[in-house]
């Protein structure tokens, strides 16, 4: 059974209206965590001649 067919079955036959995909939820949490940390990263190199940052 394909993923969308399985979702339709669960919704119609079992009356469940929301399913959380644990793999997708984990991946989304990891991306959010990484972006929050990287948003505050900045660096200065070569005595201020080179500046790096992600905002």
C-alpha atoms as a PDB file:
ATOM      1  CA  UNK A   1       0.000   0.000   0.000  1.00  0.00           C
ATOM      2  CA  UNK A   2       1.330   3.449  -0.903  1.00  0.00           C
ATOM      3  CA  UNK A   3       1.775   6.058   1.815  1.00  0.00           C
ATOM      4  CA  UNK A   4      -1.155   8.249   0.691  1.00  0.00           C
ATOM      5  CA  UNK A   5      -3.416   5.202   0.338  1.00  0.00           C
ATOM      6  CA  UNK A   6      -2.502   4.184   3.867  1.00  0.00           C
ATOM      7  CA  UNK A   7      -3.316   7.682   5.145  1.00  0.00           C
ATOM      8  CA  UNK A   8      -6.698   7.561   3.404  1.00  0.00           C
ATOM      9  CA  UNK A   9      -7.404   4.144   4.931  1.00  0.00           C
ATOM     10  CA  UNK A  10      -6.458   5.272   8.438  1.00  0.00           C
ATOM     11  CA  UNK A  11      -8.560   8.420   8.125  1.00  0.00           C
ATOM     12  CA  UNK A  12     -11.675   6.770   6.682  1.00  0.00           C
ATOM     13  CA  UNK A  13     -11.675   3.364   8.365  1.00  0.00           C
ATOM     14  CA  UNK A  14     -10.193   4.207  11.753  1.00  0.00           C
ATOM     15  CA  UNK A  15     -11.444   7.772  12.130  1.00  0.00           C
ATOM     16  CA  UNK A  16      -7.982   9.189  12.780  1.00  0.00           C
ATOM     17  CA  UNK A  17      -7.674  12.682  11.328  1.00  0.00           C
ATOM     18  CA  UNK A  18      -4.029  13.456  12.053  1.00  0.00           C
ATOM     19  CA  UNK A  19      -0.951  11.279  11.807  1.00  0.00           C
ATOM     20  CA  UNK A  20       2.525  12.431  12.757  1.00  0.00           C
ATOM     21  CA  UNK A  21       5.369  10.954  10.740  1.00  0.00           C
ATOM     22  CA  UNK A  22       8.145  10.523  13.347  1.00  0.00           C
ATOM     23  CA  UNK A  23      10.917  10.572  10.734  1.00  0.00           C
ATOM     24  CA  UNK A  24       9.658  13.814   9.206  1.00  0.00           C
ATOM     25  CA  UNK A  25       9.038  15.380  12.622  1.00  0.00           C
ATOM     26  CA  UNK A  26      12.596  14.527  13.698  1.00  0.00           C
ATOM     27  CA  UNK A  27      14.077  15.881  10.473  1.00  0.00           C
ATOM     28  CA  UNK A  28      12.099  19.125  10.824  1.00  0.00           C
ATOM     29  CA  UNK A  29      13.242  19.521  14.434  1.00  0.00           C
ATOM     30  CA  UNK A  30      16.871  18.979  13.403  1.00  0.00           C
ATOM     31  CA  UNK A  31      16.635  21.576  10.627  1.00  0.00           C
ATOM     32  CA  UNK A  32      15.028  24.083  12.997  1.00  0.00           C
ATOM     33  CA  UNK A  33      17.732  23.449  15.611  1.00  0.00           C
ATOM     34  CA  UNK A  34      20.542  23.851  13.066  1.00  0.00           C
ATOM     35  CA  UNK A  35      19.105  27.050  11.556  1.00  0.00           C
ATOM     36  CA  UNK A  36      18.629  28.613  14.999  1.00  0.00           C
ATOM     37  CA  UNK A  37      22.244  27.872  15.928  1.00  0.00           C
ATOM     38  CA  UNK A  38      23.657  28.967  12.577  1.00  0.00           C
ATOM     39  CA  UNK A  39      21.659  32.199  12.567  1.00  0.00           C
ATOM     40  CA  UNK A  40      23.835  33.473  15.395  1.00  0.00           C
ATOM     41  CA  UNK A  41      27.154  32.315  13.957  1.00  0.00           C
ATOM     42  CA  UNK A  42      29.569  34.938  12.846  1.00  0.00           C
ATOM     43  CA  UNK A  43      33.302  35.096  12.666  1.00  0.00           C
ATOM     44  CA  UNK A  44      36.084  37.493  11.959  1.00  0.00           C
ATOM     45  CA  UNK A  45      39.277  36.301  10.329  1.00  0.00           C
ATOM     46  CA  UNK A  46      42.590  37.758   9.147  1.00  0.00           C
ATOM     47  CA  UNK A  47      42.545  40.537  11.735  1.00  0.00           C
ATOM     48  CA  UNK A  48      39.135  41.796  10.625  1.00  0.00           C
ATOM     49  CA  UNK A  49      39.809  41.724   6.885  1.00  0.00           C
ATOM     50  CA  UNK A  50      37.414  38.819   6.359  1.00  0.00           C
ATOM     51  CA  UNK A  51      34.048  38.635   8.084  1.00  0.00           C
ATOM     52  CA  UNK A  52      31.736  35.671   7.881  1.00  0.00           C
ATOM     53  CA  UNK A  53      28.226  35.305   9.170  1.00  0.00           C
ATOM     54  CA  UNK A  54      24.873  33.742   8.536  1.00  0.00           C
ATOM     55  CA  UNK A  55      21.805  35.763   9.433  1.00  0.00           C
END
